[in-house]
């Protein structure tokens, strides 16, 4: 992503729209870019503290999960989703796979049995619904920011989470239920497994880690305050005037000054080194610049889209339009880069939502859901390719079987839930 983003950056500057210098100022001067840099640092603060690892370990070693293999499986995948959301996704995958292989060895599961297959694949799948629950993760941030540039509509973070958090949890539950009643693997060996053996040494949550968790929760609450209070209130106007970037900068300074057990809550140098993905940041800068230009009169894209797509979309209701948008994006994302597919469909949504009387925010949420349902082919995403590569434990035909079922679960559960909750919340 790094060098294509740099070339795109320079190409925009050479297009005659603005000088390269002006493009640089517009790109890195965007508040969204500044906000994302500091939110990435705060998320890395959680990872560096070890708090999320210990929370996840605590969750999967509760005695009330003993003898309940399907409940344990659901909680295990939720713990993996939590780790991948607030830490490094691929590190979380390999960590949870390591735990699974240890369990399989202890209880006697062999390669190519169905229960190991659905759990190995489930670790990867769990990252998708959890990855879209929070609006400041990489893919939601890119898509929502581009949507705002194209349509001028800002999606409220609190309302976003009121829709996407229940959807994500329901999808994980749906995956487990589909595995239980459709694939019906043998889980009898898991009933006797002593889950307390998964308890790591020194896994108690320390006062420092508790403080880090409270600090991050405080930062998250600050982001949600403007959307949860009446707009006429003075406190709401104050926070809106500050902007999200300023709030995260204040939190960053505050957390570096507060010490617990002689350690600062945030080691900025360490968190910035490990948490900032510069290729993604540069890509976001370029996408933001391009998004602001897509609907301008100078590009001619808007009248071109109208002339090409109007005959096809004429007569569609708003709901039908959103469903078609979701279906096409879902198909393409299994053969193309997820973010690129999302960016492709935003101008279509921006041009036609008024004429078909569709809710544009529900539309962008459906696009996000669709481009996160990338499981059918190894080309769908790097993490999906990892599942197809696990031929030491899973047959390729079983990967396809589980992945097809997963896409059905995401569609059957996610599509109607986003349509229903989206129209209720964003009415």
Protein backbone atom coordinates (compact mmCIF):
# COMPACT_ATOMS: atom_id res chain seq x y z
CA UNK A 1 0.00 0.00 0.00
CA UNK A 2 2.92 2.36 0.63
CA UNK A 3 4.42 3.12 -2.77
CA UNK A 4 1.11 3.16 -4.71
CA UNK A 5 -0.18 5.67 -2.14
CA UNK A 6 2.90 7.87 -2.60
CA UNK A 7 2.57 7.75 -6.39
CA UNK A 8 -1.14 8.53 -6.13
CA UNK A 9 -0.33 11.45 -3.86
CA UNK A 10 2.11 12.93 -6.38
CA UNK A 11 -0.22 12.16 -9.31
CA UNK A 12 -3.03 14.19 -7.71
CA UNK A 13 -0.59 17.08 -7.35
CA UNK A 14 0.41 16.81 -11.03
CA UNK A 15 -3.22 16.71 -12.22
CA UNK A 16 -3.50 20.50 -12.14
CA UNK A 17 -6.09 20.54 -9.34
CA UNK A 18 -3.50 21.80 -6.87
CA UNK A 19 0.26 21.78 -6.44
CA UNK A 20 1.99 18.83 -4.77
CA UNK A 21 2.78 21.10 -1.82
CA UNK A 22 -0.88 22.08 -1.43
CA UNK A 23 -1.92 18.42 -1.70
CA UNK A 24 0.50 17.52 1.12
CA UNK A 25 -0.95 20.26 3.34
CA UNK A 26 -4.53 19.18 2.59
CA UNK A 27 -3.69 15.51 3.18
CA UNK A 28 -1.85 15.59 6.49
CA UNK A 29 -3.74 18.67 7.64
CA UNK A 30 -7.00 16.72 7.65
CA UNK A 31 -8.34 16.30 11.20
CA UNK A 32 -9.29 12.68 10.51
CA UNK A 33 -5.66 11.78 9.77
CA UNK A 34 -4.46 13.43 12.99
CA UNK A 35 -7.24 11.73 14.95
CA UNK A 36 -6.39 8.31 13.54
CA UNK A 37 -2.67 8.67 14.35
CA UNK A 38 -3.44 9.33 18.03
CA UNK A 39 -6.21 6.72 18.34
CA UNK A 40 -3.78 4.12 16.97
CA UNK A 41 -1.31 5.10 19.69
CA UNK A 42 -3.98 4.70 22.38
CA UNK A 43 -5.06 1.30 21.02
CA UNK A 44 -1.41 0.22 21.08
CA UNK A 45 -1.27 1.35 24.72
CA UNK A 46 -3.76 -1.43 25.48
CA UNK A 47 -1.70 -3.99 23.61
CA UNK A 48 1.62 -2.96 25.15
CA UNK A 49 0.21 -3.16 28.68
CA UNK A 50 -0.81 -6.81 28.23
CA UNK A 51 -4.24 -5.94 29.60
CA UNK A 52 -6.20 -7.32 26.64
CA UNK A 53 -4.26 -10.61 26.67
CA UNK A 54 -5.05 -11.10 30.35
CA UNK A 55 -8.69 -10.12 29.88
CA UNK A 56 -9.03 -12.63 27.04
CA UNK A 57 -7.35 -15.35 29.10
CA UNK A 58 -9.64 -14.56 32.03
CA UNK A 59 -12.71 -14.82 29.81
CA UNK A 60 -11.93 -18.27 28.36
CA UNK A 61 -10.93 -19.89 31.68
CA UNK A 62 -14.17 -19.33 33.64
CA UNK A 63 -15.43 -22.43 35.42
CA UNK A 64 -18.99 -21.88 34.20
CA UNK A 65 -17.72 -22.79 30.70
CA UNK A 66 -16.65 -26.24 31.92
CA UNK A 67 -18.54 -29.03 30.17
CA UNK A 68 -20.25 -26.59 27.77
CA UNK A 69 -18.26 -26.97 24.54
CA UNK A 70 -20.43 -24.74 22.36
CA UNK A 71 -20.57 -21.94 24.89
CA UNK A 72 -16.81 -22.25 25.34
CA UNK A 73 -16.36 -22.11 21.55
CA UNK A 74 -18.42 -18.91 21.29
CA UNK A 75 -16.57 -17.22 24.16
CA UNK A 76 -13.21 -18.37 22.75
CA UNK A 77 -13.97 -16.76 19.37
CA UNK A 78 -15.19 -13.57 21.08
CA UNK A 79 -11.90 -13.45 23.02
CA UNK A 80 -10.02 -13.82 19.74
CA UNK A 81 -12.09 -11.03 18.17
CA UNK A 82 -11.27 -8.84 21.17
CA UNK A 83 -7.54 -9.54 20.81
CA UNK A 84 -7.53 -8.86 17.08
CA UNK A 85 -9.49 -5.61 17.53
CA UNK A 86 -7.30 -4.08 20.24
CA UNK A 87 -3.99 -5.65 19.26
CA UNK A 88 -2.15 -6.98 16.25
CA UNK A 89 -4.61 -9.16 14.33
CA UNK A 90 -2.12 -11.70 13.01
CA UNK A 91 -0.41 -12.01 16.38
CA UNK A 92 -3.85 -12.74 17.87
CA UNK A 93 -4.52 -15.38 15.22
CA UNK A 94 -1.31 -17.27 15.89
CA UNK A 95 -1.71 -16.96 19.67
CA UNK A 96 -5.24 -18.39 19.62
CA UNK A 97 -4.27 -21.07 17.10
CA UNK A 98 -1.50 -22.10 19.48
CA UNK A 99 -4.04 -22.46 22.29
CA UNK A 100 -6.34 -24.48 20.04
CA UNK A 101 -3.60 -26.88 18.94
CA UNK A 102 -2.68 -27.40 22.59
CA UNK A 103 -6.32 -28.21 23.38
CA UNK A 104 -6.64 -30.57 20.41
CA UNK A 105 -3.54 -32.46 21.51
CA UNK A 106 -4.75 -32.79 25.10
CA UNK A 107 -8.27 -33.99 24.27
CA UNK A 108 -7.30 -36.21 21.33
CA UNK A 109 -8.57 -34.37 18.24
CA UNK A 110 -6.80 -35.33 15.01
CA UNK A 111 -6.28 -33.38 11.77
CA UNK A 112 -9.23 -33.24 9.36
CA UNK A 113 -11.88 -33.62 12.05
CA UNK A 114 -14.66 -31.06 11.73
CA UNK A 115 -14.51 -29.43 15.19
CA UNK A 116 -10.83 -28.41 14.81
CA UNK A 117 -11.67 -27.10 11.32
CA UNK A 118 -14.51 -24.84 12.44
CA UNK A 119 -12.48 -23.45 15.35
CA UNK A 120 -9.29 -22.83 13.32
CA UNK A 121 -11.37 -21.04 10.69
CA UNK A 122 -13.47 -19.36 13.38
CA UNK A 123 -10.39 -17.63 14.79
CA UNK A 124 -9.94 -15.88 11.44
CA UNK A 125 -13.64 -15.19 10.95
CA UNK A 126 -14.02 -13.61 14.40
CA UNK A 127 -11.87 -10.65 13.38
CA UNK A 128 -14.39 -9.46 10.76
CA UNK A 129 -17.48 -8.75 12.89
CA UNK A 130 -15.33 -7.41 15.73
CA UNK A 131 -13.33 -5.29 13.29
CA UNK A 132 -16.41 -3.32 12.22
CA UNK A 133 -17.88 -2.83 15.72
CA UNK A 134 -15.69 0.20 16.45
CA UNK A 135 -15.71 3.10 13.95
CA UNK A 136 -12.05 3.99 14.49
CA UNK A 137 -10.62 0.70 13.26
CA UNK A 138 -8.79 0.82 9.93
CA UNK A 139 -11.47 -0.26 7.48
CA UNK A 140 -14.43 1.56 9.08
CA UNK A 141 -12.31 4.70 9.41
CA UNK A 142 -11.33 4.64 5.72
CA UNK A 143 -14.85 3.96 4.46
CA UNK A 144 -16.66 6.33 6.82
CA UNK A 145 -14.16 9.14 6.18
CA UNK A 146 -14.45 8.70 2.41
CA UNK A 147 -18.25 8.57 2.70
CA UNK A 148 -18.18 11.88 4.59
CA UNK A 149 -15.97 13.47 1.93
CA UNK A 150 -18.25 12.29 -0.89
CA UNK A 151 -21.67 13.00 0.65
CA UNK A 152 -20.93 15.59 3.34
CA UNK A 153 -22.67 13.31 5.88
CA UNK A 154 -20.87 12.51 9.15
CA UNK A 155 -21.74 9.24 10.87
CA UNK A 156 -22.23 9.59 14.62
CA UNK A 157 -19.92 7.16 16.46
CA UNK A 158 -22.40 6.25 19.19
CA UNK A 159 -25.19 5.54 16.72
CA UNK A 160 -22.76 3.54 14.59
CA UNK A 161 -21.91 1.30 17.56
CA UNK A 162 -25.59 0.92 18.51
CA UNK A 163 -26.03 -0.77 15.13
CA UNK A 164 -22.76 -2.58 14.49
CA UNK A 165 -22.03 -4.00 17.97
CA UNK A 166 -25.28 -6.04 18.11
CA UNK A 167 -24.75 -7.08 14.48
CA UNK A 168 -21.21 -8.31 15.20
CA UNK A 169 -22.25 -10.28 18.30
CA UNK A 170 -25.22 -11.81 16.44
CA UNK A 171 -22.95 -12.92 13.58
CA UNK A 172 -20.58 -14.73 15.96
CA UNK A 173 -23.57 -16.39 17.64
CA UNK A 174 -24.96 -17.31 14.21
CA UNK A 175 -21.66 -18.88 13.16
CA UNK A 176 -21.58 -21.07 16.28
CA UNK A 177 -25.23 -22.10 15.85
CA UNK A 178 -24.72 -22.91 12.18
CA UNK A 179 -21.69 -25.04 13.04
CA UNK A 180 -23.63 -26.86 15.74
CA UNK A 181 -26.81 -27.61 13.81
CA UNK A 182 -25.60 -27.75 10.19
CA UNK A 183 -22.05 -29.13 10.34
CA UNK A 184 -22.72 -31.02 13.61
CA UNK A 185 -19.13 -31.90 14.61
CA UNK A 186 -18.30 -34.26 17.47
CA UNK A 187 -17.69 -32.13 20.58
CA UNK A 188 -17.86 -34.95 23.13
CA UNK A 189 -14.10 -34.76 23.75
CA UNK A 190 -14.41 -31.12 24.73
CA UNK A 191 -16.90 -31.86 27.52
CA UNK A 192 -14.19 -33.43 29.66
CA UNK A 193 -11.49 -30.87 28.96
CA UNK A 194 -10.39 -28.89 32.01
CA UNK A 195 -10.43 -25.32 30.73
CA UNK A 196 -8.57 -24.06 33.82
CA UNK A 197 -5.45 -25.59 32.26
CA UNK A 198 -5.51 -22.68 29.81
CA UNK A 199 -4.88 -20.26 32.68
CA UNK A 200 -1.52 -18.59 32.07
CA UNK A 201 0.99 -17.91 34.81
CA UNK A 202 1.04 -14.31 36.00
CA UNK A 203 -2.25 -13.65 34.20
CA UNK A 204 -3.78 -11.62 37.01
CA UNK A 205 -4.79 -8.18 35.82
CA UNK A 206 -2.39 -5.79 37.53
CA UNK A 207 -3.27 -2.33 38.91
CA UNK A 208 -1.36 -0.81 35.99
CA UNK A 209 -3.34 -2.83 33.47
CA UNK A 210 -6.63 -1.94 35.18
CA UNK A 211 -5.66 1.71 34.99
CA UNK A 212 -4.87 1.39 31.28
CA UNK A 213 -8.28 -0.21 30.67
CA UNK A 214 -10.01 2.63 32.55
CA UNK A 215 -7.93 5.20 30.64
CA UNK A 216 -8.92 3.78 27.26
CA UNK A 217 -12.57 3.58 28.36
CA UNK A 218 -12.32 7.27 29.36
CA UNK A 219 -10.99 8.17 25.89
CA UNK A 220 -13.78 6.18 24.24
CA UNK A 221 -16.42 7.93 26.37
CA UNK A 222 -15.03 11.31 25.29
CA UNK A 223 -15.56 10.28 21.66
CA UNK A 224 -19.13 9.19 22.34
CA UNK A 225 -20.24 12.19 24.43
CA UNK A 226 -21.13 14.49 21.50
CA UNK A 227 -23.47 11.88 20.05
CA UNK A 228 -25.15 10.94 23.32
CA UNK A 229 -26.14 14.39 24.63
CA UNK A 230 -28.55 16.99 23.20
CA UNK A 231 -26.81 19.22 20.68
CA UNK A 232 -28.07 22.37 22.42
CA UNK A 233 -26.19 21.64 25.65
CA UNK A 234 -23.07 23.68 26.34
CA UNK A 235 -20.97 20.57 27.06
CA UNK A 236 -21.95 19.08 23.70
CA UNK A 237 -21.01 22.28 21.89
CA UNK A 238 -17.71 22.33 23.77
CA UNK A 239 -16.77 18.80 22.72
CA UNK A 240 -17.91 19.38 19.14
CA UNK A 241 -15.78 22.50 19.05
CA UNK A 242 -12.76 20.62 20.33
CA UNK A 243 -13.01 17.88 17.69
CA UNK A 244 -12.02 14.25 18.06
CA UNK A 245 -8.36 14.84 17.20
CA UNK A 246 -7.94 17.42 19.97
CA UNK A 247 -9.62 15.13 22.50
CA UNK A 248 -7.26 12.25 21.66
CA UNK A 249 -4.21 14.55 21.83
CA UNK A 250 -5.30 15.66 25.32
CA UNK A 251 -5.76 12.02 26.37
CA UNK A 252 -2.33 11.14 24.98
CA UNK A 253 -0.64 13.87 27.02
CA UNK A 254 -2.65 13.02 30.12
CA UNK A 255 -1.89 9.28 29.96
CA UNK A 256 1.85 9.89 29.53
CA UNK A 257 1.86 11.98 32.74
CA UNK A 258 -0.14 9.57 34.92
CA UNK A 259 1.94 6.83 36.54
CA UNK A 260 0.76 3.64 38.24
CA UNK A 261 3.30 1.28 39.84
CA UNK A 262 6.01 3.71 38.70
CA UNK A 263 5.01 3.19 35.06
CA UNK A 264 3.31 5.75 32.84
CA UNK A 265 -0.03 4.58 31.48
CA UNK A 266 1.27 5.39 28.01
CA UNK A 267 4.84 5.02 26.78
CA UNK A 268 4.37 7.23 23.74
CA UNK A 269 7.63 6.34 21.97
CA UNK A 270 6.95 2.61 22.27
CA UNK A 271 3.28 2.87 21.32
CA UNK A 272 3.98 5.12 18.33
CA UNK A 273 6.74 2.80 17.10
CA UNK A 274 4.63 -0.36 17.34
CA UNK A 275 1.16 0.99 16.69
CA UNK A 276 1.47 3.31 13.71
CA UNK A 277 1.12 1.56 10.36
CA UNK A 278 2.50 4.17 7.98
CA UNK A 279 1.45 2.38 4.77
CA UNK A 280 -2.17 2.47 5.96
CA UNK A 281 -1.86 6.10 7.06
CA UNK A 282 -0.48 7.14 3.67
CA UNK A 283 -3.23 5.16 1.95
CA UNK A 284 -5.87 6.91 4.08
CA UNK A 285 -4.38 10.31 3.17
CA UNK A 286 -4.63 9.55 -0.56
CA UNK A 287 -8.11 8.04 -0.31
CA UNK A 288 -9.35 11.10 1.59
CA UNK A 289 -7.94 13.37 -1.11
CA UNK A 290 -9.46 11.29 -3.91
CA UNK A 291 -12.81 11.04 -2.15
CA UNK A 292 -13.09 14.81 -1.90
CA UNK A 293 -12.50 15.03 -5.65
CA UNK A 294 -14.73 12.20 -6.88
CA UNK A 295 -17.99 14.15 -6.75
CA UNK A 296 -16.55 17.48 -7.91
CA UNK A 297 -17.77 18.90 -11.22
CA UNK A 298 -14.21 18.91 -12.57
CA UNK A 299 -13.96 15.11 -12.67
CA UNK A 300 -17.21 14.49 -14.56
CA UNK A 301 -17.73 11.27 -12.61
CA UNK A 302 -21.17 12.14 -11.30
CA UNK A 303 -22.88 12.71 -14.68
CA UNK A 304 -21.07 9.66 -16.10
CA UNK A 305 -22.41 7.42 -13.30
CA UNK A 306 -25.90 8.82 -13.79
CA UNK A 307 -25.84 8.11 -17.53
CA UNK A 308 -24.53 4.56 -17.09
CA UNK A 309 -26.50 3.38 -14.05
CA UNK A 310 -29.78 5.27 -14.27
CA UNK A 311 -31.33 2.81 -16.77
CA UNK A 312 -30.39 -0.07 -14.46
CA UNK A 313 -31.52 1.48 -11.17
CA UNK A 314 -34.67 3.21 -12.40
CA UNK A 315 -37.67 1.89 -10.52
CA UNK A 316 -35.67 0.52 -7.58
CA UNK A 317 -36.98 1.28 -4.12
CA UNK A 318 -34.53 2.51 -1.49
CA UNK A 319 -34.37 -0.90 0.24
CA UNK A 320 -33.95 -2.77 -3.04
CA UNK A 321 -31.16 -0.40 -4.08
CA UNK A 322 -29.29 -1.02 -0.81
CA UNK A 323 -29.68 -4.80 -1.09
CA UNK A 324 -28.35 -4.80 -4.67
CA UNK A 325 -25.43 -2.61 -3.59
CA UNK A 326 -24.66 -5.05 -0.76
CA UNK A 327 -24.91 -8.13 -3.00
CA UNK A 328 -22.60 -6.82 -5.72
CA UNK A 329 -20.04 -5.56 -3.18
CA UNK A 330 -20.18 -8.94 -1.41
CA UNK A 331 -19.40 -10.82 -4.63
CA UNK A 332 -16.58 -8.50 -5.72
CA UNK A 333 -14.86 -8.39 -2.33
CA UNK A 334 -14.13 -12.11 -2.58
CA UNK A 335 -11.99 -11.50 -5.65
CA UNK A 336 -10.67 -7.96 -5.10
CA UNK A 337 -9.13 -5.83 -2.36
CA UNK A 338 -11.76 -5.07 0.30
CA UNK A 339 -11.08 -1.36 0.75
CA UNK A 340 -10.92 -0.75 -3.00
CA UNK A 341 -14.32 -2.40 -3.44
CA UNK A 342 -15.73 -0.18 -0.69
CA UNK A 343 -14.31 2.97 -2.25
CA UNK A 344 -15.72 1.94 -5.67
CA UNK A 345 -19.27 1.78 -4.35
CA UNK A 346 -19.29 5.00 -2.32
CA UNK A 347 -19.71 7.28 -5.37
CA UNK A 348 -22.61 5.12 -6.58
CA UNK A 349 -24.25 5.46 -3.18
CA UNK A 350 -23.52 9.19 -3.12
CA UNK A 351 -25.07 9.78 -6.54
CA UNK A 352 -28.25 7.68 -6.27
CA UNK A 353 -29.38 7.59 -2.63
CA UNK A 354 -31.56 10.69 -3.00
CA UNK A 355 -33.22 9.64 -6.25
CA UNK A 356 -34.17 6.20 -4.92
CA UNK A 357 -34.93 7.59 -1.43
CA UNK A 358 -32.44 5.31 0.32
CA UNK A 359 -30.90 5.98 3.70
CA UNK A 360 -27.26 6.77 2.84
CA UNK A 361 -25.85 5.86 6.28
CA UNK A 362 -27.54 2.45 6.19
CA UNK A 363 -26.01 2.09 2.75
CA UNK A 364 -22.46 2.74 3.96
CA UNK A 365 -22.96 0.32 6.87
CA UNK A 366 -24.07 -2.37 4.40
CA UNK A 367 -21.02 -1.69 2.24
CA UNK A 368 -18.84 -2.13 5.33
CA UNK A 369 -20.56 -5.42 6.16
CA UNK A 370 -20.22 -6.65 2.58
CA UNK A 371 -16.51 -5.91 2.21
CA UNK A 372 -15.85 -7.66 5.53
CA UNK A 373 -17.50 -10.85 4.24
CA UNK A 374 -14.42 -11.91 2.29
CA UNK A 375 -14.08 -15.64 2.83
CA UNK A 376 -14.87 -17.56 -0.36
CA UNK A 377 -11.47 -17.60 -2.05
CA UNK A 378 -7.79 -17.35 -1.02
CA UNK A 379 -7.73 -14.05 -2.91
CA UNK A 380 -10.49 -12.62 -0.71
CA UNK A 381 -8.08 -11.54 2.04
CA UNK A 382 -4.67 -12.55 3.46
CA UNK A 383 -6.30 -14.01 6.58
CA UNK A 384 -8.65 -16.16 4.48
CA UNK A 385 -5.64 -17.43 2.51
CA UNK A 386 -4.14 -18.53 5.85
CA UNK A 387 -7.12 -20.87 6.34
CA UNK A 388 -6.72 -22.40 2.89
CA UNK A 389 -3.03 -22.91 3.66
CA UNK A 390 -3.73 -24.98 6.81
CA UNK A 391 -3.79 -28.24 4.86
CA UNK A 392 -2.06 -29.92 7.81
CA UNK A 393 -5.35 -29.67 9.75
CA UNK A 394 -8.17 -28.87 7.29
CA UNK A 395 -9.13 -30.32 3.91
CA UNK A 396 -9.62 -27.71 1.20
CA UNK A 397 -13.17 -28.93 0.57
CA UNK A 398 -13.95 -28.41 4.27
CA UNK A 399 -12.58 -24.87 4.12
CA UNK A 400 -14.93 -24.13 1.21
CA UNK A 401 -17.83 -25.76 3.06
CA UNK A 402 -17.28 -23.69 6.22
CA UNK A 403 -16.61 -20.48 4.28
CA UNK A 404 -19.76 -20.82 2.16
CA UNK A 405 -21.76 -21.35 5.34
CA UNK A 406 -20.06 -18.29 6.89
CA UNK A 407 -20.96 -16.02 3.97
CA UNK A 408 -24.56 -17.23 4.29
CA UNK A 409 -24.52 -16.46 8.03
CA UNK A 410 -23.12 -12.95 7.48
CA UNK A 411 -25.81 -12.31 4.84
CA UNK A 412 -28.83 -13.90 6.53
CA UNK A 413 -28.09 -12.32 9.91
CA UNK A 414 -26.14 -9.17 9.07
CA UNK A 415 -28.14 -7.82 6.12
CA UNK A 416 -31.59 -7.67 7.78
CA UNK A 417 -30.13 -6.54 11.12
CA UNK A 418 -28.29 -3.60 9.54
CA UNK A 419 -31.39 -2.67 7.53
CA UNK A 420 -33.63 -2.84 10.62
CA UNK A 421 -31.34 -1.31 13.25
CA UNK A 422 -29.87 1.18 10.79
CA UNK A 423 -33.26 2.60 9.86
CA UNK A 424 -34.29 2.72 13.54
CA UNK A 425 -31.13 4.46 14.73
CA UNK A 426 -30.48 6.68 11.69
CA UNK A 427 -34.07 7.69 10.94
